[in-house]
């Protein structure tokens, strides 16, 4: 009976310690997405959506320079940004993983 108790306790201890041991070797790669350039510029309250005043600022800038980078958002090419076109602007963009550092080999 004592052997069985010790065996069960040992297995429980291994089950509790194993995730910590596995996670110890992994490094946090960081976020995989970031706010898109448009959202970073116009989402002034950082809530992830463009509010009415933020949409107005975006529309004003678009009308000032219709040939700029926001031209791609005018999907029907009417020279205006509709609410649907503004809603289709991606809120995030993918972020590349940081490059791994190469370990230097020691001269022997």
PDB file of N, CA and C in Angstrom:
ATOM      1  N   UNK A   1       0.816  -1.184   0.000  1.00  0.00           N
ATOM      2  CA  UNK A   1       0.000   0.000   0.000  1.00  0.00           C
ATOM      3  C   UNK A   1       0.864   1.255   0.000  1.00  0.00           C
ATOM      4  N   UNK A   2       1.969   1.228   0.751  1.00  0.00           N
ATOM      5  CA  UNK A   2       2.872   2.380   0.801  1.00  0.00           C
ATOM      6  C   UNK A   2       3.507   2.616  -0.564  1.00  0.00           C
ATOM      7  N   UNK A   3       3.839   1.542  -1.257  1.00  0.00           N
ATOM      8  CA  UNK A   3       4.460   1.677  -2.571  1.00  0.00           C
ATOM      9  C   UNK A   3       3.491   2.318  -3.558  1.00  0.00           C
ATOM     10  N   UNK A   4       2.238   1.923  -3.493  1.00  0.00           N
ATOM     11  CA  UNK A   4       1.242   2.480  -4.381  1.00  0.00           C
ATOM     12  C   UNK A   4       1.043   3.973  -4.104  1.00  0.00           C
ATOM     13  N   UNK A   5       1.006   4.349  -2.840  1.00  0.00           N
ATOM     14  CA  UNK A   5       0.858   5.752  -2.456  1.00  0.00           C
ATOM     15  C   UNK A   5       2.043   6.571  -2.950  1.00  0.00           C
ATOM     16  N   UNK A   6       3.250   6.050  -2.762  1.00  0.00           N
ATOM     17  CA  UNK A   6       4.445   6.749  -3.229  1.00  0.00           C
ATOM     18  C   UNK A   6       4.452   6.878  -4.752  1.00  0.00           C
ATOM     19  N   UNK A   7       4.000   5.837  -5.432  1.00  0.00           N
ATOM     20  CA  UNK A   7       3.953   5.854  -6.889  1.00  0.00           C
ATOM     21  C   UNK A   7       2.964   6.921  -7.379  1.00  0.00           C
ATOM     22  N   UNK A   8       1.795   6.964  -6.775  1.00  0.00           N
ATOM     23  CA  UNK A   8       0.795   7.955  -7.167  1.00  0.00           C
ATOM     24  C   UNK A   8       1.299   9.361  -6.878  1.00  0.00           C
ATOM     25  N   UNK A   9       1.902   9.586  -5.747  1.00  0.00           N
ATOM     26  CA  UNK A   9       2.428  10.906  -5.403  1.00  0.00           C
ATOM     27  C   UNK A   9       3.534  11.314  -6.361  1.00  0.00           C
ATOM     28  N   UNK A  10       4.374  10.375  -6.723  1.00  0.00           N
ATOM     29  CA  UNK A  10       5.455  10.656  -7.669  1.00  0.00           C
ATOM     30  C   UNK A  10       4.917  11.042  -9.044  1.00  0.00           C
ATOM     31  N   UNK A  11       3.874  10.325  -9.507  1.00  0.00           N
ATOM     32  CA  UNK A  11       3.270  10.644 -10.795  1.00  0.00           C
ATOM     33  C   UNK A  11       2.599  12.021 -10.757  1.00  0.00           C
ATOM     34  N   UNK A  12       1.965  12.335  -9.651  1.00  0.00           N
ATOM     35  CA  UNK A  12       1.339  13.660  -9.525  1.00  0.00           C
ATOM     36  C   UNK A  12       2.396  14.770  -9.561  1.00  0.00           C
ATOM     37  N   UNK A  13       3.499  14.545  -8.878  1.00  0.00           N
ATOM     38  CA  UNK A  13       4.570  15.540  -8.874  1.00  0.00           C
ATOM     39  C   UNK A  13       5.129  15.735 -10.278  1.00  0.00           C
ATOM     40  N   UNK A  14       5.299  14.640 -11.013  1.00  0.00           N
ATOM     41  CA  UNK A  14       5.795  14.741 -12.399  1.00  0.00           C
ATOM     42  C   UNK A  14       4.801  15.497 -13.275  1.00  0.00           C
ATOM     43  N   UNK A  15       3.511  15.230 -13.085  1.00  0.00           N
ATOM     44  CA  UNK A  15       2.493  15.896 -13.884  1.00  0.00           C
ATOM     45  C   UNK A  15       2.466  17.390 -13.601  1.00  0.00           C
ATOM     46  N   UNK A  16       2.748  17.780 -12.383  1.00  0.00           N
ATOM     47  CA  UNK A  16       2.759  19.194 -12.036  1.00  0.00           C
ATOM     48  C   UNK A  16       4.016  19.906 -12.527  1.00  0.00           C
ATOM     49  N   UNK A  17       5.124  19.224 -12.536  1.00  0.00           N
ATOM     50  CA  UNK A  17       6.398  19.844 -12.908  1.00  0.00           C
ATOM     51  C   UNK A  17       6.672  19.809 -14.414  1.00  0.00           C
ATOM     52  N   UNK A  18       6.086  18.869 -15.128  1.00  0.00           N
ATOM     53  CA  UNK A  18       6.385  18.699 -16.551  1.00  0.00           C
ATOM     54  C   UNK A  18       6.061  19.949 -17.373  1.00  0.00           C
ATOM     55  N   UNK A  19       4.883  20.577 -17.236  1.00  0.00           N
ATOM     56  CA  UNK A  19       4.623  21.770 -18.067  1.00  0.00           C
ATOM     57  C   UNK A  19       5.615  22.893 -17.823  1.00  0.00           C
ATOM     58  N   UNK A  20       6.037  23.079 -16.592  1.00  0.00           N
ATOM     59  CA  UNK A  20       7.002  24.132 -16.296  1.00  0.00           C
ATOM     60  C   UNK A  20       8.348  23.821 -16.945  1.00  0.00           C
ATOM     61  N   UNK A  21       8.736  22.570 -16.937  1.00  0.00           N
ATOM     62  CA  UNK A  21      10.008  22.177 -17.540  1.00  0.00           C
ATOM     63  C   UNK A  21       9.956  22.338 -19.060  1.00  0.00           C
ATOM     64  N   UNK A  22       8.818  22.020 -19.672  1.00  0.00           N
ATOM     65  CA  UNK A  22       8.696  22.162 -21.120  1.00  0.00           C
ATOM     66  C   UNK A  22       8.660  23.625 -21.539  1.00  0.00           C
ATOM     67  N   UNK A  23       7.991  24.451 -20.777  1.00  0.00           N
ATOM     68  CA  UNK A  23       7.884  25.864 -21.114  1.00  0.00           C
ATOM     69  C   UNK A  23       9.179  26.614 -20.879  1.00  0.00           C
ATOM     70  N   UNK A  24      10.031  26.087 -20.041  1.00  0.00           N
ATOM     71  CA  UNK A  24      11.277  26.774 -19.696  1.00  0.00           C
ATOM     72  C   UNK A  24      12.171  26.976 -20.919  1.00  0.00           C
ATOM     73  N   UNK A  25      12.169  26.022 -21.839  1.00  0.00           N
ATOM     74  CA  UNK A  25      13.022  26.120 -23.016  1.00  0.00           C
ATOM     75  C   UNK A  25      12.467  27.011 -24.110  1.00  0.00           C
ATOM     76  N   UNK A  26      11.178  27.322 -24.057  1.00  0.00           N
ATOM     77  CA  UNK A  26      10.561  28.139 -25.099  1.00  0.00           C
ATOM     78  C   UNK A  26      10.671  29.612 -24.753  1.00  0.00           C
ATOM     79  N   UNK A  27      10.978  30.417 -25.757  1.00  0.00           N
ATOM     80  CA  UNK A  27      11.033  31.853 -25.580  1.00  0.00           C
ATOM     81  C   UNK A  27       9.767  32.459 -26.153  1.00  0.00           C
ATOM     82  N   UNK A  28       9.296  33.504 -25.556  1.00  0.00           N
ATOM     83  CA  UNK A  28       8.120  34.199 -26.061  1.00  0.00           C
ATOM     84  C   UNK A  28       8.505  34.905 -27.353  1.00  0.00           C
ATOM     85  N   UNK A  29       7.834  34.539 -28.438  1.00  0.00           N
ATOM     86  CA  UNK A  29       8.151  35.105 -29.743  1.00  0.00           C
ATOM     87  C   UNK A  29       7.563  36.496 -29.913  1.00  0.00           C
ATOM     88  N   UNK A  30       6.683  36.908 -29.016  1.00  0.00           N
ATOM     89  CA  UNK A  30       6.075  38.221 -29.116  1.00  0.00           C
ATOM     90  C   UNK A  30       4.815  38.183 -29.947  1.00  0.00           C
ATOM     91  N   UNK A  31       4.229  39.314 -30.179  1.00  0.00           N
ATOM     92  CA  UNK A  31       2.964  39.351 -30.917  1.00  0.00           C
ATOM     93  C   UNK A  31       3.175  39.000 -32.386  1.00  0.00           C
ATOM     94  N   UNK A  32       2.128  38.436 -32.990  1.00  0.00           N
ATOM     95  CA  UNK A  32       2.203  38.085 -34.407  1.00  0.00           C
ATOM     96  C   UNK A  32       1.494  39.112 -35.279  1.00  0.00           C
ATOM     97  N   UNK A  33       0.769  40.048 -34.649  1.00  0.00           N
ATOM     98  CA  UNK A  33       0.128  41.118 -35.397  1.00  0.00           C
ATOM     99  C   UNK A  33       0.364  42.451 -34.698  1.00  0.00           C
ATOM    100  N   UNK A  34       0.222  43.505 -35.449  1.00  0.00           N
ATOM    101  CA  UNK A  34       0.354  44.862 -34.924  1.00  0.00           C
ATOM    102  C   UNK A  34      -0.712  45.715 -35.592  1.00  0.00           C
ATOM    103  N   UNK A  35      -1.030  46.857 -35.020  1.00  0.00           N
ATOM    104  CA  UNK A  35      -2.001  47.722 -35.684  1.00  0.00           C
ATOM    105  C   UNK A  35      -1.507  48.098 -37.081  1.00  0.00           C
ATOM    106  N   UNK A  36      -2.438  48.103 -38.050  1.00  0.00           N
ATOM    107  CA  UNK A  36      -2.048  48.506 -39.397  1.00  0.00           C
ATOM    108  C   UNK A  36      -1.642  49.971 -39.369  1.00  0.00           C
ATOM    109  N   UNK A  37      -0.951  50.403 -40.400  1.00  0.00           N
ATOM    110  CA  UNK A  37      -0.477  51.785 -40.452  1.00  0.00           C
ATOM    111  C   UNK A  37      -1.632  52.773 -40.377  1.00  0.00           C
ATOM    112  N   UNK A  38      -2.734  52.433 -41.038  1.00  0.00           N
ATOM    113  CA  UNK A  38      -3.897  53.326 -41.028  1.00  0.00           C
ATOM    114  C   UNK A  38      -4.468  53.439 -39.625  1.00  0.00           C
ATOM    115  N   UNK A  39      -4.640  52.301 -38.956  1.00  0.00           N
ATOM    116  CA  UNK A  39      -5.187  52.345 -37.603  1.00  0.00           C
ATOM    117  C   UNK A  39      -4.221  53.031 -36.647  1.00  0.00           C
ATOM    118  N   UNK A  40      -2.949  52.804 -36.819  1.00  0.00           N
ATOM    119  CA  UNK A  40      -1.973  53.461 -35.942  1.00  0.00           C
ATOM    120  C   UNK A  40      -2.055  54.979 -36.083  1.00  0.00           C
ATOM    121  N   UNK A  41      -2.371  55.447 -37.279  1.00  0.00           N
ATOM    122  CA  UNK A  41      -2.431  56.889 -37.519  1.00  0.00           C
ATOM    123  C   UNK A  41      -3.759  57.503 -37.082  1.00  0.00           C
ATOM    124  N   UNK A  42      -4.872  56.818 -37.325  1.00  0.00           N
ATOM    125  CA  UNK A  42      -6.185  57.433 -37.118  1.00  0.00           C
ATOM    126  C   UNK A  42      -6.921  56.976 -35.856  1.00  0.00           C
ATOM    127  N   UNK A  43      -6.620  55.811 -35.327  1.00  0.00           N
ATOM    128  CA  UNK A  43      -7.311  55.323 -34.130  1.00  0.00           C
ATOM    129  C   UNK A  43      -6.680  55.977 -32.901  1.00  0.00           C
ATOM    130  N   UNK A  44      -7.081  57.197 -32.627  1.00  0.00           N
ATOM    131  CA  UNK A  44      -6.452  58.010 -31.576  1.00  0.00           C
ATOM    132  C   UNK A  44      -6.724  57.498 -30.170  1.00  0.00           C
ATOM    133  N   UNK A  45      -7.861  56.810 -29.949  1.00  0.00           N
ATOM    134  CA  UNK A  45      -8.147  56.305 -28.606  1.00  0.00           C
ATOM    135  C   UNK A  45      -7.765  54.832 -28.446  1.00  0.00           C
ATOM    136  N   UNK A  46      -7.136  54.240 -29.461  1.00  0.00           N
ATOM    137  CA  UNK A  46      -6.589  52.888 -29.423  1.00  0.00           C
ATOM    138  C   UNK A  46      -7.613  51.834 -29.007  1.00  0.00           C
ATOM    139  N   UNK A  47      -8.863  51.979 -29.475  1.00  0.00           N
ATOM    140  CA  UNK A  47      -9.863  50.983 -29.125  1.00  0.00           C
ATOM    141  C   UNK A  47     -10.055  49.938 -30.221  1.00  0.00           C
ATOM    142  N   UNK A  48      -9.316  50.012 -31.301  1.00  0.00           N
ATOM    143  CA  UNK A  48      -9.380  49.014 -32.355  1.00  0.00           C
ATOM    144  C   UNK A  48     -10.463  49.258 -33.389  1.00  0.00           C
ATOM    145  N   UNK A  49     -11.228  50.334 -33.241  1.00  0.00           N
ATOM    146  CA  UNK A  49     -12.230  50.699 -34.233  1.00  0.00           C
ATOM    147  C   UNK A  49     -12.088  52.180 -34.547  1.00  0.00           C
ATOM    148  N   UNK A  50     -12.522  52.541 -35.744  1.00  0.00           N
ATOM    149  CA  UNK A  50     -12.475  53.944 -36.129  1.00  0.00           C
ATOM    150  C   UNK A  50     -13.820  54.580 -35.791  1.00  0.00           C
ATOM    151  N   UNK A  51     -13.809  55.493 -34.850  1.00  0.00           N
ATOM    152  CA  UNK A  51     -15.017  56.194 -34.437  1.00  0.00           C
ATOM    153  C   UNK A  51     -15.342  57.285 -35.455  1.00  0.00           C
ATOM    154  N   UNK A  52     -16.461  57.966 -35.268  1.00  0.00           N
ATOM    155  CA  UNK A  52     -16.937  58.960 -36.244  1.00  0.00           C
ATOM    156  C   UNK A  52     -15.904  60.054 -36.506  1.00  0.00           C
ATOM    157  N   UNK A  53     -15.306  60.600 -35.448  1.00  0.00           N
ATOM    158  CA  UNK A  53     -14.323  61.667 -35.655  1.00  0.00           C
ATOM    159  C   UNK A  53     -13.045  61.135 -36.307  1.00  0.00           C
ATOM    160  N   UNK A  54     -12.698  59.905 -36.016  1.00  0.00           N
ATOM    161  CA  UNK A  54     -11.507  59.295 -36.628  1.00  0.00           C
ATOM    162  C   UNK A  54     -11.768  58.998 -38.106  1.00  0.00           C
ATOM    163  N   UNK A  55     -12.993  58.554 -38.431  1.00  0.00           N
ATOM    164  CA  UNK A  55     -13.365  58.331 -39.838  1.00  0.00           C
ATOM    165  C   UNK A  55     -13.358  59.650 -40.609  1.00  0.00           C
ATOM    166  N   UNK A  56     -13.822  60.715 -39.947  1.00  0.00           N
ATOM    167  CA  UNK A  56     -13.841  62.027 -40.600  1.00  0.00           C
ATOM    168  C   UNK A  56     -12.420  62.489 -40.924  1.00  0.00           C
ATOM    169  N   UNK A  57     -11.488  62.271 -40.009  1.00  0.00           N
ATOM    170  CA  UNK A  57     -10.089  62.651 -40.254  1.00  0.00           C
ATOM    171  C   UNK A  57      -9.500  61.826 -41.397  1.00  0.00           C
ATOM    172  N   UNK A  58      -9.820  60.536 -41.433  1.00  0.00           N
ATOM    173  CA  UNK A  58      -9.329  59.664 -42.504  1.00  0.00           C
ATOM    174  C   UNK A  58      -9.900  60.125 -43.845  1.00  0.00           C
ATOM    175  N   UNK A  59     -11.192  60.403 -43.891  1.00  0.00           N
ATOM    176  CA  UNK A  59     -11.836  60.848 -45.124  1.00  0.00           C
ATOM    177  C   UNK A  59     -11.260  62.180 -45.587  1.00  0.00           C
ATOM    178  N   UNK A  60     -11.021  63.090 -44.654  1.00  0.00           N
ATOM    179  CA  UNK A  60     -10.453  64.401 -44.998  1.00  0.00           C
ATOM    180  C   UNK A  60      -9.066  64.236 -45.621  1.00  0.00           C
ATOM    181  N   UNK A  61      -8.231  63.384 -45.028  1.00  0.00           N
ATOM    182  CA  UNK A  61      -6.895  63.149 -45.580  1.00  0.00           C
ATOM    183  C   UNK A  61      -6.968  62.472 -46.945  1.00  0.00           C
ATOM    184  N   UNK A  62      -7.917  61.552 -47.113  1.00  0.00           N
ATOM    185  CA  UNK A  62      -8.073  60.885 -48.406  1.00  0.00           C
ATOM    186  C   UNK A  62      -8.450  61.885 -49.487  1.00  0.00           C
ATOM    187  N   UNK A  63      -9.386  62.787 -49.176  1.00  0.00           N
ATOM    188  CA  UNK A  63      -9.827  63.763 -50.167  1.00  0.00           C
ATOM    189  C   UNK A  63      -8.740  64.778 -50.491  1.00  0.00           C
ATOM    190  N   UNK A  64      -7.824  65.002 -49.556  1.00  0.00           N
ATOM    191  CA  UNK A  64      -6.713  65.925 -49.811  1.00  0.00           C
ATOM    192  C   UNK A  64      -5.680  65.306 -50.746  1.00  0.00           C
ATOM    193  N   UNK A  65      -5.519  63.983 -50.708  1.00  0.00           N
ATOM    194  CA  UNK A  65      -4.523  63.303 -51.544  1.00  0.00           C
ATOM    195  C   UNK A  65      -5.103  61.975 -52.012  1.00  0.00           C
ATOM    196  N   UNK A  66      -5.868  61.995 -53.084  1.00  0.00           N
ATOM    197  CA  UNK A  66      -6.537  60.785 -53.584  1.00  0.00           C
ATOM    198  C   UNK A  66      -5.585  59.836 -54.296  1.00  0.00           C
ATOM    199  N   UNK A  67      -4.354  60.261 -54.531  1.00  0.00           N
ATOM    200  CA  UNK A  67      -3.392  59.395 -55.200  1.00  0.00           C
ATOM    201  C   UNK A  67      -2.443  58.736 -54.204  1.00  0.00           C
ATOM    202  N   UNK A  68      -2.605  59.023 -52.935  1.00  0.00           N
ATOM    203  CA  UNK A  68      -1.714  58.499 -51.903  1.00  0.00           C
ATOM    204  C   UNK A  68      -1.984  57.032 -51.585  1.00  0.00           C
ATOM    205  N   UNK A  69      -1.404  56.556 -50.496  1.00  0.00           N
ATOM    206  CA  UNK A  69      -1.513  55.137 -50.143  1.00  0.00           C
ATOM    207  C   UNK A  69      -2.942  54.695 -49.802  1.00  0.00           C
ATOM    208  N   UNK A  70      -3.814  55.631 -49.451  1.00  0.00           N
ATOM    209  CA  UNK A  70      -5.186  55.254 -49.124  1.00  0.00           C
ATOM    210  C   UNK A  70      -6.046  55.039 -50.360  1.00  0.00           C
ATOM    211  N   UNK A  71      -5.498  55.286 -51.544  1.00  0.00           N
ATOM    212  CA  UNK A  71      -6.239  55.085 -52.786  1.00  0.00           C
ATOM    213  C   UNK A  71      -6.691  53.627 -52.903  1.00  0.00           C
ATOM    214  N   UNK A  72      -5.919  52.719 -52.369  1.00  0.00           N
ATOM    215  CA  UNK A  72      -6.252  51.293 -52.447  1.00  0.00           C
ATOM    216  C   UNK A  72      -7.543  50.970 -51.706  1.00  0.00           C
ATOM    217  N   UNK A  73      -7.926  51.788 -50.746  1.00  0.00           N
ATOM    218  CA  UNK A  73      -9.148  51.534 -49.978  1.00  0.00           C
ATOM    219  C   UNK A  73     -10.408  51.941 -50.752  1.00  0.00           C
ATOM    220  N   UNK A  74     -10.265  52.777 -51.776  1.00  0.00           N
ATOM    221  CA  UNK A  74     -11.401  53.190 -52.595  1.00  0.00           C
ATOM    222  C   UNK A  74     -11.652  52.101 -53.640  1.00  0.00           C
ATOM    223  N   UNK A  75     -12.301  51.025 -53.216  1.00  0.00           N
ATOM    224  CA  UNK A  75     -12.431  49.834 -54.062  1.00  0.00           C
ATOM    225  C   UNK A  75     -13.329  50.041 -55.278  1.00  0.00           C
ATOM    226  N   UNK A  76     -14.306  50.959 -55.202  1.00  0.00           N
ATOM    227  CA  UNK A  76     -15.171  51.177 -56.359  1.00  0.00           C
ATOM    228  C   UNK A  76     -14.704  52.366 -57.212  1.00  0.00           C
ATOM    229  N   UNK A  77     -13.573  52.953 -56.874  1.00  0.00           N
ATOM    230  CA  UNK A  77     -12.929  54.033 -57.631  1.00  0.00           C
ATOM    231  C   UNK A  77     -13.852  55.222 -57.904  1.00  0.00           C
ATOM    232  N   UNK A  78     -14.679  55.573 -56.914  1.00  0.00           N
ATOM    233  CA  UNK A  78     -15.564  56.721 -57.101  1.00  0.00           C
ATOM    234  C   UNK A  78     -14.978  58.004 -56.521  1.00  0.00           C
ATOM    235  N   UNK A  79     -13.776  57.924 -55.971  1.00  0.00           N
ATOM    236  CA  UNK A  79     -13.120  59.108 -55.421  1.00  0.00           C
ATOM    237  C   UNK A  79     -13.560  59.446 -54.011  1.00  0.00           C
ATOM    238  N   UNK A  80     -14.345  58.560 -53.398  1.00  0.00           N
ATOM    239  CA  UNK A  80     -14.814  58.771 -52.026  1.00  0.00           C
ATOM    240  C   UNK A  80     -14.631  57.478 -51.237  1.00  0.00           C
ATOM    241  N   UNK A  81     -14.503  57.616 -49.930  1.00  0.00           N
ATOM    242  CA  UNK A  81     -14.448  56.436 -49.066  1.00  0.00           C
ATOM    243  C   UNK A  81     -15.810  56.280 -48.389  1.00  0.00           C
ATOM    244  N   UNK A  82     -16.511  55.209 -48.743  1.00  0.00           N
ATOM    245  CA  UNK A  82     -17.804  54.944 -48.125  1.00  0.00           C
ATOM    246  C   UNK A  82     -17.588  54.280 -46.764  1.00  0.00           C
ATOM    247  N   UNK A  83     -18.659  54.183 -45.995  1.00  0.00           N
ATOM    248  CA  UNK A  83     -18.562  53.518 -44.698  1.00  0.00           C
ATOM    249  C   UNK A  83     -18.129  52.058 -44.858  1.00  0.00           C
ATOM    250  N   UNK A  84     -18.594  51.406 -45.923  1.00  0.00           N
ATOM    251  CA  UNK A  84     -18.219  50.010 -46.173  1.00  0.00           C
ATOM    252  C   UNK A  84     -16.724  49.895 -46.492  1.00  0.00           C
ATOM    253  N   UNK A  85     -16.214  50.842 -47.269  1.00  0.00           N
ATOM    254  CA  UNK A  85     -14.791  50.812 -47.618  1.00  0.00           C
ATOM    255  C   UNK A  85     -13.927  51.089 -46.386  1.00  0.00           C
ATOM    256  N   UNK A  86     -14.374  51.992 -45.538  1.00  0.00           N
ATOM    257  CA  UNK A  86     -13.617  52.279 -44.312  1.00  0.00           C
ATOM    258  C   UNK A  86     -13.663  51.069 -43.384  1.00  0.00           C
ATOM    259  N   UNK A  87     -14.818  50.407 -43.310  1.00  0.00           N
ATOM    260  CA  UNK A  87     -14.944  49.221 -42.455  1.00  0.00           C
ATOM    261  C   UNK A  87     -14.060  48.082 -42.954  1.00  0.00           C
ATOM    262  N   UNK A  88     -13.753  48.068 -44.252  1.00  0.00           N
ATOM    263  CA  UNK A  88     -12.930  46.997 -44.824  1.00  0.00           C
ATOM    264  C   UNK A  88     -11.429  47.216 -44.623  1.00  0.00           C
ATOM    265  N   UNK A  89     -11.048  48.368 -44.108  1.00  0.00           N
ATOM    266  CA  UNK A  89      -9.626  48.635 -43.853  1.00  0.00           C
ATOM    267  C   UNK A  89      -9.157  47.706 -42.738  1.00  0.00           C
ATOM    268  N   UNK A  90      -8.101  46.931 -42.975  1.00  0.00           N
ATOM    269  CA  UNK A  90      -7.651  45.991 -41.939  1.00  0.00           C
ATOM    270  C   UNK A  90      -7.131  46.717 -40.700  1.00  0.00           C
ATOM    271  N   UNK A  91      -7.549  46.220 -39.537  1.00  0.00           N
ATOM    272  CA  UNK A  91      -7.132  46.830 -38.277  1.00  0.00           C
ATOM    273  C   UNK A  91      -5.731  46.397 -37.872  1.00  0.00           C
ATOM    274  N   UNK A  92      -5.307  45.231 -38.341  1.00  0.00           N
ATOM    275  CA  UNK A  92      -3.985  44.729 -37.964  1.00  0.00           C
ATOM    276  C   UNK A  92      -3.222  44.287 -39.196  1.00  0.00           C
ATOM    277  N   UNK A  93      -1.933  44.143 -39.017  1.00  0.00           N
ATOM    278  CA  UNK A  93      -1.071  43.609 -40.065  1.00  0.00           C
ATOM    279  C   UNK A  93      -0.162  42.568 -39.431  1.00  0.00           C
ATOM    280  N   UNK A  94       0.268  41.576 -40.201  1.00  0.00           N
ATOM    281  CA  UNK A  94       1.157  40.563 -39.621  1.00  0.00           C
ATOM    282  C   UNK A  94       2.529  41.149 -39.309  1.00  0.00           C
ATOM    283  N   UNK A  95       3.138  40.603 -38.287  1.00  0.00           N
ATOM    284  CA  UNK A  95       4.473  41.029 -37.882  1.00  0.00           C
ATOM    285  C   UNK A  95       5.419  39.865 -38.106  1.00  0.00           C
ATOM    286  N   UNK A  96       6.540  40.154 -38.724  1.00  0.00           N
ATOM    287  CA  UNK A  96       7.524  39.102 -38.970  1.00  0.00           C
ATOM    288  C   UNK A  96       8.210  38.732 -37.665  1.00  0.00           C
ATOM    289  N   UNK A  97       8.505  37.468 -37.544  1.00  0.00           N
ATOM    290  CA  UNK A  97       9.234  37.006 -36.373  1.00  0.00           C
ATOM    291  C   UNK A  97      10.642  37.587 -36.407  1.00  0.00           C
ATOM    292  N   UNK A  98      11.183  37.934 -35.254  1.00  0.00           N
ATOM    293  CA  UNK A  98      12.546  38.473 -35.253  1.00  0.00           C
ATOM    294  C   UNK A  98      13.534  37.431 -35.751  1.00  0.00           C
ATOM    295  N   UNK A  99      14.535  37.893 -36.450  1.00  0.00           N
ATOM    296  CA  UNK A  99      15.556  36.985 -36.971  1.00  0.00           C
ATOM    297  C   UNK A  99      16.332  36.350 -35.827  1.00  0.00           C
ATOM    298  N   UNK A 100      16.595  35.065 -35.999  1.00  0.00           N
ATOM    299  CA  UNK A 100      17.351  34.360 -34.963  1.00  0.00           C
ATOM    300  C   UNK A 100      18.819  34.739 -35.077  1.00  0.00           C
ATOM    301  N   UNK A 101      19.421  34.932 -33.935  1.00  0.00           N
ATOM    302  CA  UNK A 101      20.838  35.260 -33.917  1.00  0.00           C
ATOM    303  C   UNK A 101      21.650  33.981 -34.082  1.00  0.00           C
ATOM    304  N   UNK A 102      22.659  34.073 -34.916  1.00  0.00           N
ATOM    305  CA  UNK A 102      23.536  32.929 -35.100  1.00  0.00           C
ATOM    306  C   UNK A 102      24.571  32.922 -33.997  1.00  0.00           C
ATOM    307  N   UNK A 103      24.799  31.747 -33.484  1.00  0.00           N
ATOM    308  CA  UNK A 103      25.802  31.612 -32.446  1.00  0.00           C
ATOM    309  C   UNK A 103      27.188  31.596 -33.087  1.00  0.00           C
ATOM    310  N   UNK A 104      28.093  32.337 -32.473  1.00  0.00           N
ATOM    311  CA  UNK A 104      29.453  32.380 -32.989  1.00  0.00           C
ATOM    312  C   UNK A 104      30.192  31.132 -32.535  1.00  0.00           C
ATOM    313  N   UNK A 105      30.935  30.563 -33.461  1.00  0.00           N
ATOM    314  CA  UNK A 105      31.735  29.402 -33.130  1.00  0.00           C
ATOM    315  C   UNK A 105      33.066  29.867 -32.555  1.00  0.00           C
ATOM    316  N   UNK A 106      33.450  29.213 -31.508  1.00  0.00           N
ATOM    317  CA  UNK A 106      34.724  29.556 -30.896  1.00  0.00           C
ATOM    318  C   UNK A 106      35.859  28.944 -31.694  1.00  0.00           C
ATOM    319  N   UNK A 107      36.908  29.724 -31.885  1.00  0.00           N
ATOM    320  CA  UNK A 107      38.098  29.206 -32.581  1.00  0.00           C
ATOM    321  C   UNK A 107      38.787  28.187 -31.694  1.00  0.00           C
ATOM    322  N   UNK A 108      39.132  27.088 -32.301  1.00  0.00           N
ATOM    323  CA  UNK A 108      39.790  26.034 -31.527  1.00  0.00           C
ATOM    324  C   UNK A 108      41.266  26.019 -31.762  1.00  0.00           C
TER     325      UNK A 108
END
